[in-house]
Amino acid sequence: MAYIWINPVTESMYEPKKLTNFLQKHGYKQVKVTGDWLNIVKEKYRIAVGEAMTAVIDMRCPKTKQLLDEMGVTAEFTVPTIEPILVHCAREISAREELQGEEKIITTPCQALADMGNAIGLRDITFIPWNQFLKTLSEQLGRDEEILAIRHLKESPIPPGFFEDLELKTVSLTGEEEIREYFQTQESKEMAKNIELVEMLFCQCGCHRGDGL
């Protein structure tokens, strides 16, 4: 029996009981986290903004950081060393005494998060995009058809607006085109002075259209 953590985006695509039964049938026990990592991470951003001299960049989505590095605009902003919520969850699971020595899988909604997580090298932890996990399982079973029916999401379970209750001067950007346009049409130095936090999600309208889904 291996342990598996299902990311919230993937989890919202299935009926909970059917997902649990499916995982158990194929030798995986779903594990949950006990820490309130969503609010812990949010508090880390509040503290980062309070200590920063320029606007803080949202680091929850590694694809946005890659894009801004490519555009060469991060020098005018504060880039905090705050890991994505998913990585915080993985660190908790990796450290859990009752799970030591057991295989543990962290599913991700995109390849970028999987790559980021695997680069950390947590003990007995493997990060894998959800669709890749299903593909591997399908190959092991020796059949190509879809092995778990999904329900398509009309709205993202992780939409923009994550930082709203912090009451900071925040701009929210989703999608590569919107991010590029914003940074290309604004004066970065002035923007960094007038905005406290730049929220960004690479997938348009929120985290649910990643290449891992």
C-alpha atoms as a PDB file:
ATOM      1  CA  MET A   1       0.000   0.000   0.000  1.00  0.00           C
ATOM      2  CA  ALA A   2       1.343   3.411  -1.020  1.00  0.00           C
ATOM      3  CA  TYR A   3       0.101   6.749   0.289  1.00  0.00           C
ATOM      4  CA  ILE A   4      -1.175   9.460  -2.025  1.00  0.00           C
ATOM      5  CA  TRP A   5      -2.110  13.111  -1.517  1.00  0.00           C
ATOM      6  CA  ILE A   6      -4.556  14.500  -4.060  1.00  0.00           C
ATOM      7  CA  ASN A   7      -4.240  18.207  -4.790  1.00  0.00           C
ATOM      8  CA  PRO A   8      -7.448  20.268  -4.299  1.00  0.00           C
ATOM      9  CA  VAL A   9      -7.886  20.997  -8.008  1.00  0.00           C
ATOM     10  CA  THR A  10      -7.848  17.308  -8.902  1.00  0.00           C
ATOM     11  CA  GLU A  11      -9.952  16.359  -5.890  1.00  0.00           C
ATOM     12  CA  SER A  12     -12.737  18.708  -6.987  1.00  0.00           C
ATOM     13  CA  MET A  13     -12.999  16.859 -10.321  1.00  0.00           C
ATOM     14  CA  TYR A  14     -14.331  13.654  -8.772  1.00  0.00           C
ATOM     15  CA  GLU A  15     -16.996  12.417  -6.408  1.00  0.00           C
ATOM     16  CA  PRO A  16     -15.110  11.876  -3.119  1.00  0.00           C
ATOM     17  CA  LYS A  17     -16.344   8.338  -2.455  1.00  0.00           C
ATOM     18  CA  LYS A  18     -15.629   7.171  -6.004  1.00  0.00           C
ATOM     19  CA  LEU A  19     -12.144   8.678  -5.881  1.00  0.00           C
ATOM     20  CA  THR A  20     -11.374   7.004  -2.540  1.00  0.00           C
ATOM     21  CA  ASN A  21     -12.653   3.638  -3.745  1.00  0.00           C
ATOM     22  CA  PHE A  22     -10.694   3.932  -6.984  1.00  0.00           C
ATOM     23  CA  LEU A  23      -7.443   4.667  -5.163  1.00  0.00           C
ATOM     24  CA  GLN A  24      -7.943   1.867  -2.650  1.00  0.00           C
ATOM     25  CA  LYS A  25      -8.748  -0.591  -5.439  1.00  0.00           C
ATOM     26  CA  HIS A  26      -5.369   0.101  -6.997  1.00  0.00           C
ATOM     27  CA  GLY A  27      -3.325   0.019  -3.796  1.00  0.00           C
ATOM     28  CA  TYR A  28      -3.255   3.674  -2.731  1.00  0.00           C
ATOM     29  CA  LYS A  29      -4.434   5.133   0.548  1.00  0.00           C
ATOM     30  CA  GLN A  30      -5.385   8.786   0.361  1.00  0.00           C
ATOM     31  CA  VAL A  31      -3.697  10.897   3.012  1.00  0.00           C
ATOM     32  CA  LYS A  32      -4.763  14.338   4.227  1.00  0.00           C
ATOM     33  CA  VAL A  33      -2.758  17.102   5.891  1.00  0.00           C
ATOM     34  CA  THR A  34      -3.450  18.399   9.389  1.00  0.00           C
ATOM     35  CA  GLY A  35      -1.843  21.832   9.045  1.00  0.00           C
ATOM     36  CA  ASP A  36      -3.869  24.845   7.908  1.00  0.00           C
ATOM     37  CA  TRP A  37      -1.353  25.511   5.156  1.00  0.00           C
ATOM     38  CA  LEU A  38      -3.609  27.772   3.128  1.00  0.00           C
ATOM     39  CA  ASN A  39      -3.836  30.338   5.925  1.00  0.00           C
ATOM     40  CA  ILE A  40      -0.257  29.767   7.047  1.00  0.00           C
ATOM     41  CA  VAL A  41       0.980  30.647   3.568  1.00  0.00           C
ATOM     42  CA  LYS A  42      -1.363  33.620   3.387  1.00  0.00           C
ATOM     43  CA  GLU A  43       0.066  34.915   6.669  1.00  0.00           C
ATOM     44  CA  LYS A  44       3.594  34.520   5.291  1.00  0.00           C
ATOM     45  CA  TYR A  45       2.645  36.835   2.437  1.00  0.00           C
ATOM     46  CA  ARG A  46       1.156  39.372   4.838  1.00  0.00           C
ATOM     47  CA  ILE A  47       4.439  39.423   6.753  1.00  0.00           C
ATOM     48  CA  ALA A  48       6.472  39.620   3.529  1.00  0.00           C
ATOM     49  CA  VAL A  49       4.487  42.638   2.353  1.00  0.00           C
ATOM     50  CA  GLY A  50       5.005  44.344   5.706  1.00  0.00           C
ATOM     51  CA  GLU A  51       8.777  43.912   5.429  1.00  0.00           C
ATOM     52  CA  ALA A  52       9.154  44.720   1.720  1.00  0.00           C
ATOM     53  CA  MET A  53      10.080  48.049   0.148  1.00  0.00           C
ATOM     54  CA  THR A  54       8.553  47.114  -3.211  1.00  0.00           C
ATOM     55  CA  ALA A  55       5.563  45.076  -4.369  1.00  0.00           C
ATOM     56  CA  VAL A  56       5.723  41.399  -3.463  1.00  0.00           C
ATOM     57  CA  ILE A  57       5.335  38.810  -6.217  1.00  0.00           C
ATOM     58  CA  ASP A  58       3.000  35.858  -5.644  1.00  0.00           C
ATOM     59  CA  MET A  59       5.148  32.705  -5.746  1.00  0.00           C
ATOM     60  CA  ARG A  60       2.402  30.056  -5.500  1.00  0.00           C
ATOM     61  CA  CYS A  61       2.663  29.292  -9.232  1.00  0.00           C
ATOM     62  CA  PRO A  62       6.169  28.433 -10.520  1.00  0.00           C
ATOM     63  CA  LYS A  63       5.159  29.065 -14.142  1.00  0.00           C
ATOM     64  CA  THR A  64       4.545  32.753 -13.434  1.00  0.00           C
ATOM     65  CA  LYS A  65       7.990  33.131 -11.850  1.00  0.00           C
ATOM     66  CA  GLN A  66       9.550  31.513 -14.923  1.00  0.00           C
ATOM     67  CA  LEU A  67       7.640  33.917 -17.151  1.00  0.00           C
ATOM     68  CA  LEU A  68       8.713  37.012 -15.226  1.00  0.00           C
ATOM     69  CA  ASP A  69      12.332  35.861 -15.196  1.00  0.00           C
ATOM     70  CA  GLU A  70      12.106  35.455 -18.965  1.00  0.00           C
ATOM     71  CA  MET A  71      10.707  38.992 -19.254  1.00  0.00           C
ATOM     72  CA  GLY A  72      13.402  40.366 -16.950  1.00  0.00           C
ATOM     73  CA  VAL A  73      11.093  42.360 -14.671  1.00  0.00           C
ATOM     74  CA  THR A  74      11.607  40.766 -11.260  1.00  0.00           C
ATOM     75  CA  ALA A  75      14.459  43.092 -10.283  1.00  0.00           C
ATOM     76  CA  GLU A  76      11.975  45.863  -9.476  1.00  0.00           C
ATOM     77  CA  PHE A  77       9.939  43.663  -7.146  1.00  0.00           C
ATOM     78  CA  THR A  78      10.331  41.656  -3.953  1.00  0.00           C
ATOM     79  CA  VAL A  79      10.499  37.923  -4.672  1.00  0.00           C
ATOM     80  CA  PRO A  80       9.762  36.099  -1.378  1.00  0.00           C
ATOM     81  CA  THR A  81      11.082  32.643  -0.556  1.00  0.00           C
ATOM     82  CA  ILE A  82       7.599  31.303   0.115  1.00  0.00           C
ATOM     83  CA  GLU A  83       6.902  27.856  -1.285  1.00  0.00           C
ATOM     84  CA  PRO A  84       3.551  26.934  -2.868  1.00  0.00           C
ATOM     85  CA  ILE A  85       0.873  25.532  -0.561  1.00  0.00           C
ATOM     86  CA  LEU A  86       1.244  22.141  -2.237  1.00  0.00           C
ATOM     87  CA  VAL A  87       4.919  21.970  -1.230  1.00  0.00           C
ATOM     88  CA  HIS A  88       4.067  22.898   2.363  1.00  0.00           C
ATOM     89  CA  CYS A  89       1.605  19.993   2.392  1.00  0.00           C
ATOM     90  CA  ALA A  90       4.246  17.647   1.006  1.00  0.00           C
ATOM     91  CA  ARG A  91       6.760  18.673   3.674  1.00  0.00           C
ATOM     92  CA  GLU A  92       4.236  17.849   6.400  1.00  0.00           C
ATOM     93  CA  ILE A  93       3.504  14.439   4.881  1.00  0.00           C
ATOM     94  CA  SER A  94       7.198  13.719   4.443  1.00  0.00           C
ATOM     95  CA  ALA A  95       7.847  14.455   8.127  1.00  0.00           C
ATOM     96  CA  ARG A  96       4.925  12.442   9.540  1.00  0.00           C
ATOM     97  CA  GLU A  97       6.279   9.739  11.848  1.00  0.00           C
ATOM     98  CA  GLU A  98       3.595   7.181  10.988  1.00  0.00           C
ATOM     99  CA  LEU A  99       4.411   7.440   7.278  1.00  0.00           C
ATOM    100  CA  GLN A 100       8.182   7.048   7.527  1.00  0.00           C
ATOM    101  CA  GLY A 101       9.665   4.511   5.126  1.00  0.00           C
ATOM    102  CA  GLU A 102       6.469   4.348   3.053  1.00  0.00           C
ATOM    103  CA  GLU A 103       6.063   5.380  -0.569  1.00  0.00           C
ATOM    104  CA  LYS A 104       4.247   8.701  -0.754  1.00  0.00           C
ATOM    105  CA  ILE A 105       2.914  10.375  -3.905  1.00  0.00           C
ATOM    106  CA  ILE A 106       1.967  14.039  -4.213  1.00  0.00           C
ATOM    107  CA  THR A 107      -0.256  14.713  -7.221  1.00  0.00           C
ATOM    108  CA  THR A 108       0.013  18.089  -8.939  1.00  0.00           C
ATOM    109  CA  PRO A 109      -2.181  19.997 -11.411  1.00  0.00           C
ATOM    110  CA  CYS A 110       0.802  20.784 -13.629  1.00  0.00           C
ATOM    111  CA  GLN A 111       4.278  19.596 -14.594  1.00  0.00           C
ATOM    112  CA  ALA A 112       5.879  22.784 -13.268  1.00  0.00           C
ATOM    113  CA  LEU A 113       4.797  22.047  -9.689  1.00  0.00           C
ATOM    114  CA  ALA A 114       5.895  18.425 -10.052  1.00  0.00           C
ATOM    115  CA  ASP A 115       9.342  19.495 -11.248  1.00  0.00           C
ATOM    116  CA  MET A 116       9.665  22.032  -8.463  1.00  0.00           C
ATOM    117  CA  GLY A 117       8.671  19.499  -5.811  1.00  0.00           C
ATOM    118  CA  ASN A 118      10.919  16.716  -7.082  1.00  0.00           C
ATOM    119  CA  ALA A 119      13.883  19.118  -7.188  1.00  0.00           C
ATOM    120  CA  ILE A 120      13.591  19.565  -3.397  1.00  0.00           C
ATOM    121  CA  GLY A 121      14.276  15.877  -2.818  1.00  0.00           C
ATOM    122  CA  LEU A 122      11.915  15.069   0.044  1.00  0.00           C
ATOM    123  CA  ARG A 123      12.441  11.578   1.440  1.00  0.00           C
ATOM    124  CA  ASP A 124      10.111   8.886   0.019  1.00  0.00           C
ATOM    125  CA  ILE A 125       8.104  11.586  -1.788  1.00  0.00           C
ATOM    126  CA  THR A 126       7.382  11.669  -5.515  1.00  0.00           C
ATOM    127  CA  PHE A 127       5.564  14.579  -7.135  1.00  0.00           C
ATOM    128  CA  ILE A 128       3.640  13.654 -10.284  1.00  0.00           C
ATOM    129  CA  PRO A 129       1.003  15.420 -12.422  1.00  0.00           C
ATOM    130  CA  TRP A 130      -2.394  13.799 -11.953  1.00  0.00           C
ATOM    131  CA  ASN A 131      -2.826  12.868 -15.626  1.00  0.00           C
ATOM    132  CA  GLN A 132       0.622  11.257 -15.662  1.00  0.00           C
ATOM    133  CA  PHE A 133      -0.298   9.244 -12.570  1.00  0.00           C
ATOM    134  CA  LEU A 134      -3.444   7.981 -14.333  1.00  0.00           C
ATOM    135  CA  LYS A 135      -1.507   7.221 -17.511  1.00  0.00           C
ATOM    136  CA  THR A 136       1.084   5.196 -15.597  1.00  0.00           C
ATOM    137  CA  LEU A 137      -1.652   3.334 -13.754  1.00  0.00           C
ATOM    138  CA  SER A 138      -3.471   2.636 -17.016  1.00  0.00           C
ATOM    139  CA  GLU A 139      -0.296   1.229 -18.560  1.00  0.00           C
ATOM    140  CA  GLN A 140       0.218  -1.015 -15.529  1.00  0.00           C
ATOM    141  CA  LEU A 141      -3.340  -2.277 -15.900  1.00  0.00           C
ATOM    142  CA  GLY A 142      -2.772  -2.947 -19.596  1.00  0.00           C
ATOM    143  CA  ARG A 143      -5.605  -0.904 -20.969  1.00  0.00           C
ATOM    144  CA  ASP A 144      -5.921   2.491 -22.638  1.00  0.00           C
ATOM    145  CA  GLU A 145      -9.450   3.598 -21.822  1.00  0.00           C
ATOM    146  CA  GLU A 146     -10.205   6.232 -19.207  1.00  0.00           C
ATOM    147  CA  ILE A 147     -10.128   4.541 -15.816  1.00  0.00           C
ATOM    148  CA  LEU A 148     -11.900   7.161 -13.710  1.00  0.00           C
ATOM    149  CA  ALA A 149     -14.734   9.344 -15.003  1.00  0.00           C
ATOM    150  CA  ILE A 150     -14.252  13.054 -14.336  1.00  0.00           C
ATOM    151  CA  ARG A 151     -16.653  15.935 -13.987  1.00  0.00           C
ATOM    152  CA  HIS A 152     -15.469  19.008 -15.854  1.00  0.00           C
ATOM    153  CA  LEU A 153     -15.157  22.170 -13.789  1.00  0.00           C
ATOM    154  CA  LYS A 154     -16.958  25.322 -14.870  1.00  0.00           C
ATOM    155  CA  GLU A 155     -15.026  27.410 -12.363  1.00  0.00           C
ATOM    156  CA  SER A 156     -11.638  26.996 -10.771  1.00  0.00           C
ATOM    157  CA  PRO A 157     -11.473  25.690  -7.185  1.00  0.00           C
ATOM    158  CA  ILE A 158      -8.443  27.977  -6.811  1.00  0.00           C
ATOM    159  CA  PRO A 159      -9.605  31.252  -8.392  1.00  0.00           C
ATOM    160  CA  PRO A 160      -7.930  34.654  -8.249  1.00  0.00           C
ATOM    161  CA  GLY A 161      -8.623  36.576  -5.048  1.00  0.00           C
ATOM    162  CA  PHE A 162      -6.593  34.436  -2.637  1.00  0.00           C
ATOM    163  CA  PHE A 163      -5.273  37.526  -0.830  1.00  0.00           C
ATOM    164  CA  GLU A 164      -8.502  39.568  -0.698  1.00  0.00           C
ATOM    165  CA  ASP A 165      -9.049  39.302   3.051  1.00  0.00           C
ATOM    166  CA  LEU A 166      -5.563  40.706   3.730  1.00  0.00           C
ATOM    167  CA  GLU A 167      -6.842  44.099   2.547  1.00  0.00           C
ATOM    168  CA  LEU A 168      -3.640  44.901   0.673  1.00  0.00           C
ATOM    169  CA  LYS A 169      -3.210  46.919  -2.513  1.00  0.00           C
ATOM    170  CA  THR A 170      -3.273  43.942  -4.826  1.00  0.00           C
ATOM    171  CA  VAL A 171      -3.499  43.391  -8.556  1.00  0.00           C
ATOM    172  CA  SER A 172      -4.677  39.949  -9.714  1.00  0.00           C
ATOM    173  CA  LEU A 173      -3.486  38.543 -13.027  1.00  0.00           C
ATOM    174  CA  THR A 174      -4.364  35.203 -14.628  1.00  0.00           C
ATOM    175  CA  GLY A 175      -3.190  33.744 -17.907  1.00  0.00           C
ATOM    176  CA  GLU A 176       0.105  34.280 -19.740  1.00  0.00           C
ATOM    177  CA  GLU A 177      -1.329  36.918 -22.086  1.00  0.00           C
ATOM    178  CA  GLU A 178      -2.695  39.077 -19.265  1.00  0.00           C
ATOM    179  CA  ILE A 179       0.530  38.815 -17.264  1.00  0.00           C
ATOM    180  CA  ARG A 180       2.674  39.754 -20.264  1.00  0.00           C
ATOM    181  CA  GLU A 181       0.429  42.656 -21.207  1.00  0.00           C
ATOM    182  CA  TYR A 182       0.377  44.054 -17.687  1.00  0.00           C
ATOM    183  CA  PHE A 183       4.119  44.048 -17.205  1.00  0.00           C
ATOM    184  CA  GLN A 184       4.820  45.312 -20.721  1.00  0.00           C
ATOM    185  CA  THR A 185       2.420  48.263 -20.526  1.00  0.00           C
ATOM    186  CA  GLN A 186       3.229  49.499 -17.017  1.00  0.00           C
ATOM    187  CA  GLU A 187       6.242  51.312 -15.633  1.00  0.00           C
ATOM    188  CA  SER A 188       7.685  48.634 -13.363  1.00  0.00           C
ATOM    189  CA  LYS A 189       9.349  50.977 -10.889  1.00  0.00           C
ATOM    190  CA  GLU A 190       6.222  53.059 -10.326  1.00  0.00           C
ATOM    191  CA  MET A 191       4.020  49.971 -10.200  1.00  0.00           C
ATOM    192  CA  ALA A 192       6.205  48.381  -7.548  1.00  0.00           C
ATOM    193  CA  LYS A 193       5.831  51.500  -5.403  1.00  0.00           C
ATOM    194  CA  ASN A 194       2.029  51.788  -5.690  1.00  0.00           C
ATOM    195  CA  ILE A 195       1.040  48.114  -5.444  1.00  0.00           C
ATOM    196  CA  GLU A 196       1.779  45.961  -2.394  1.00  0.00           C
ATOM    197  CA  LEU A 197       1.167  42.511  -3.867  1.00  0.00           C
ATOM    198  CA  VAL A 198       0.944  41.060  -7.387  1.00  0.00           C
ATOM    199  CA  GLU A 199      -1.212  37.934  -7.436  1.00  0.00           C
ATOM    200  CA  MET A 200      -0.554  35.734 -10.480  1.00  0.00           C
ATOM    201  CA  LEU A 201      -1.797  32.401 -11.761  1.00  0.00           C
ATOM    202  CA  PHE A 202      -0.439  31.163 -15.081  1.00  0.00           C
ATOM    203  CA  CYS A 203      -3.667  29.344 -15.957  1.00  0.00           C
ATOM    204  CA  GLN A 204      -6.403  31.728 -17.038  1.00  0.00           C
ATOM    205  CA  CYS A 205      -9.181  32.302 -14.478  1.00  0.00           C
ATOM    206  CA  GLY A 206      -7.426  30.178 -11.854  1.00  0.00           C
ATOM    207  CA  CYS A 207      -5.626  26.945 -11.190  1.00  0.00           C
ATOM    208  CA  HIS A 208      -7.599  24.305 -13.089  1.00  0.00           C
ATOM    209  CA  ARG A 209      -6.348  24.230 -16.675  1.00  0.00           C
ATOM    210  CA  GLY A 210      -2.823  23.043 -16.054  1.00  0.00           C
ATOM    211  CA  ASP A 211      -1.057  20.517 -18.264  1.00  0.00           C
ATOM    212  CA  GLY A 212      -1.252  17.978 -15.449  1.00  0.00           C
ATOM    213  CA  LEU A 213      -5.027  17.763 -15.658  1.00  0.00           C
END
